[in-house]
Amino acid sequence: QVQLVESGGGLVQPGGSLRLSCAASGFTFSNYYMSWYRQGPGKERELVSSINSRGGTTSYADSVKGRFTISRDNAKNTLYLQMNSLKPEDTAVYYCNAKFVTLSYWGQGTQVTVSS
């Protein structure tokens, strides 16, 4: 059974940091292209960051470039998103996504709220 379980969300003040994790099971994690998406209140889901299967290539939305870092540990079947210098506009539910050819899996999401 395929599972993607996000964790690490919470309430943080502006300027603070959080580290999200996405634990994968039920598929060969190291073969999959992984991404973080987010959906803010009243907004559409948007791509935040992606990383290729070996972790050598990453990409970021302009809005998070320089503040967020995506990484993966294929030995632990886990995807990470280190989020620094958080802003109120980063408030959203964050989802991890696994993609391989026509296969695509989603986690249930973790809430990140940036507020003073």
Protein backbone atom coordinates (compact mmCIF):
# COMPACT_ATOMS: atom_id res chain seq x y z
CA GLN A 1 0.00 0.00 0.00
CA VAL A 2 1.44 3.32 -1.10
CA GLN A 3 1.75 5.91 1.65
CA LEU A 4 3.18 9.40 1.84
CA VAL A 5 3.00 10.86 5.33
CA GLU A 6 3.96 14.49 5.87
CA SER A 7 4.98 15.86 9.25
CA GLY A 8 6.70 18.86 10.79
CA GLY A 9 4.11 21.53 10.19
CA GLY A 10 2.89 23.92 12.85
CA LEU A 11 2.59 27.51 13.95
CA VAL A 12 5.69 29.67 13.62
CA GLN A 13 6.39 33.39 13.86
CA PRO A 14 7.50 35.38 10.82
CA GLY A 15 11.21 34.90 10.28
CA GLY A 16 11.15 31.48 11.88
CA SER A 17 12.00 28.07 10.48
CA LEU A 18 10.37 24.69 10.05
CA ARG A 19 11.51 21.41 8.59
CA LEU A 20 8.91 19.29 6.86
CA SER A 21 9.34 15.57 6.32
CA CYS A 22 7.54 13.16 4.02
CA ALA A 23 7.92 9.48 4.83
CA ALA A 24 7.28 7.19 1.88
CA SER A 25 6.37 3.52 1.81
CA GLY A 26 4.82 0.98 -0.54
CA PHE A 27 6.86 1.93 -3.61
CA THR A 28 10.48 2.25 -4.71
CA PHE A 29 11.14 5.74 -3.42
CA SER A 30 14.56 6.08 -5.05
CA ASN A 31 12.98 5.80 -8.53
CA TYR A 32 10.57 8.66 -8.03
CA TYR A 33 10.76 12.37 -8.79
CA MET A 34 9.59 14.12 -5.63
CA SER A 35 7.98 17.49 -5.09
CA TRP A 36 6.47 19.72 -2.45
CA TYR A 37 3.27 21.58 -3.26
CA ARG A 38 1.24 23.95 -1.13
CA GLN A 39 -2.28 25.30 -1.08
CA GLY A 40 -2.98 28.51 0.78
CA PRO A 41 -6.41 29.64 1.94
CA GLY A 42 -8.53 30.49 -1.08
CA LYS A 43 -5.70 29.67 -3.47
CA GLU A 44 -4.94 26.95 -5.95
CA ARG A 45 -2.35 24.30 -5.22
CA GLU A 46 1.08 25.44 -6.39
CA LEU A 47 4.43 23.77 -6.92
CA VAL A 48 6.99 24.82 -4.32
CA SER A 49 10.03 22.69 -5.04
CA SER A 50 11.13 19.51 -6.79
CA ILE A 51 14.05 17.10 -6.66
CA ASN A 52 15.07 14.33 -9.03
CA SER A 53 15.36 10.70 -8.05
CA ARG A 54 19.03 10.85 -7.07
CA GLY A 55 18.81 14.24 -5.43
CA GLY A 56 21.26 15.92 -7.76
CA THR A 57 18.85 18.35 -9.38
CA THR A 58 16.48 20.68 -7.57
CA SER A 59 14.14 23.48 -8.53
CA TYR A 60 12.21 26.12 -6.63
CA ALA A 61 9.36 28.53 -7.12
CA ASP A 62 10.59 32.11 -7.27
CA SER A 63 8.64 32.92 -4.11
CA VAL A 64 10.73 30.51 -1.99
CA LYS A 65 14.10 30.59 -3.74
CA GLY A 66 16.89 31.30 -1.29
CA ARG A 67 14.70 30.50 1.73
CA PHE A 68 13.63 26.86 1.23
CA THR A 69 15.81 23.81 0.62
CA ILE A 70 14.53 20.48 -0.64
CA SER A 71 16.44 17.28 0.01
CA ARG A 72 15.91 13.54 0.16
CA ASP A 73 17.38 10.52 1.87
CA ASN A 74 16.79 7.50 -0.34
CA ALA A 75 18.12 5.16 2.35
CA LYS A 76 15.39 6.39 4.70
CA ASN A 77 12.69 6.81 2.02
CA THR A 78 12.15 10.35 3.20
CA LEU A 79 11.77 13.73 1.53
CA TYR A 80 12.50 16.98 3.38
CA LEU A 81 11.78 20.67 3.02
CA GLN A 82 13.80 23.06 5.16
CA MET A 83 11.94 26.36 5.35
CA ASN A 84 13.74 29.43 6.67
CA SER A 85 12.80 33.11 6.91
CA LEU A 86 9.15 32.17 6.82
CA LYS A 87 6.60 34.79 5.83
CA PRO A 88 2.86 35.01 6.48
CA GLU A 89 2.27 34.32 2.79
CA ASP A 90 3.90 30.90 3.25
CA THR A 91 0.85 29.87 5.28
CA ALA A 92 -0.63 26.83 3.54
CA VAL A 93 -1.17 23.12 3.65
CA TYR A 94 2.00 21.51 2.31
CA TYR A 95 1.78 18.28 0.33
CA CYS A 96 4.44 15.94 -0.94
CA ASN A 97 4.05 14.29 -4.33
CA ALA A 98 5.80 11.30 -5.86
CA LYS A 99 5.92 10.93 -9.62
CA PHE A 100 7.21 8.18 -11.94
CA VAL A 101 6.13 8.10 -15.57
CA THR A 102 2.31 8.03 -15.33
CA LEU A 103 2.17 7.24 -11.61
CA SER A 104 1.53 10.05 -9.14
CA TYR A 105 0.94 9.78 -5.40
CA TRP A 106 -0.02 12.42 -2.84
CA GLY A 107 0.25 12.72 0.89
CA GLN A 108 -2.51 14.05 3.13
CA GLY A 109 -0.73 17.34 3.82
CA THR A 110 0.61 19.19 6.84
CA GLN A 111 -0.51 22.65 7.91
CA VAL A 112 2.04 25.46 8.15
CA THR A 113 0.87 28.71 9.71
CA VAL A 114 3.13 31.74 9.85
CA SER A 115 1.73 34.34 12.20
CA SER A 116 2.74 36.56 15.08
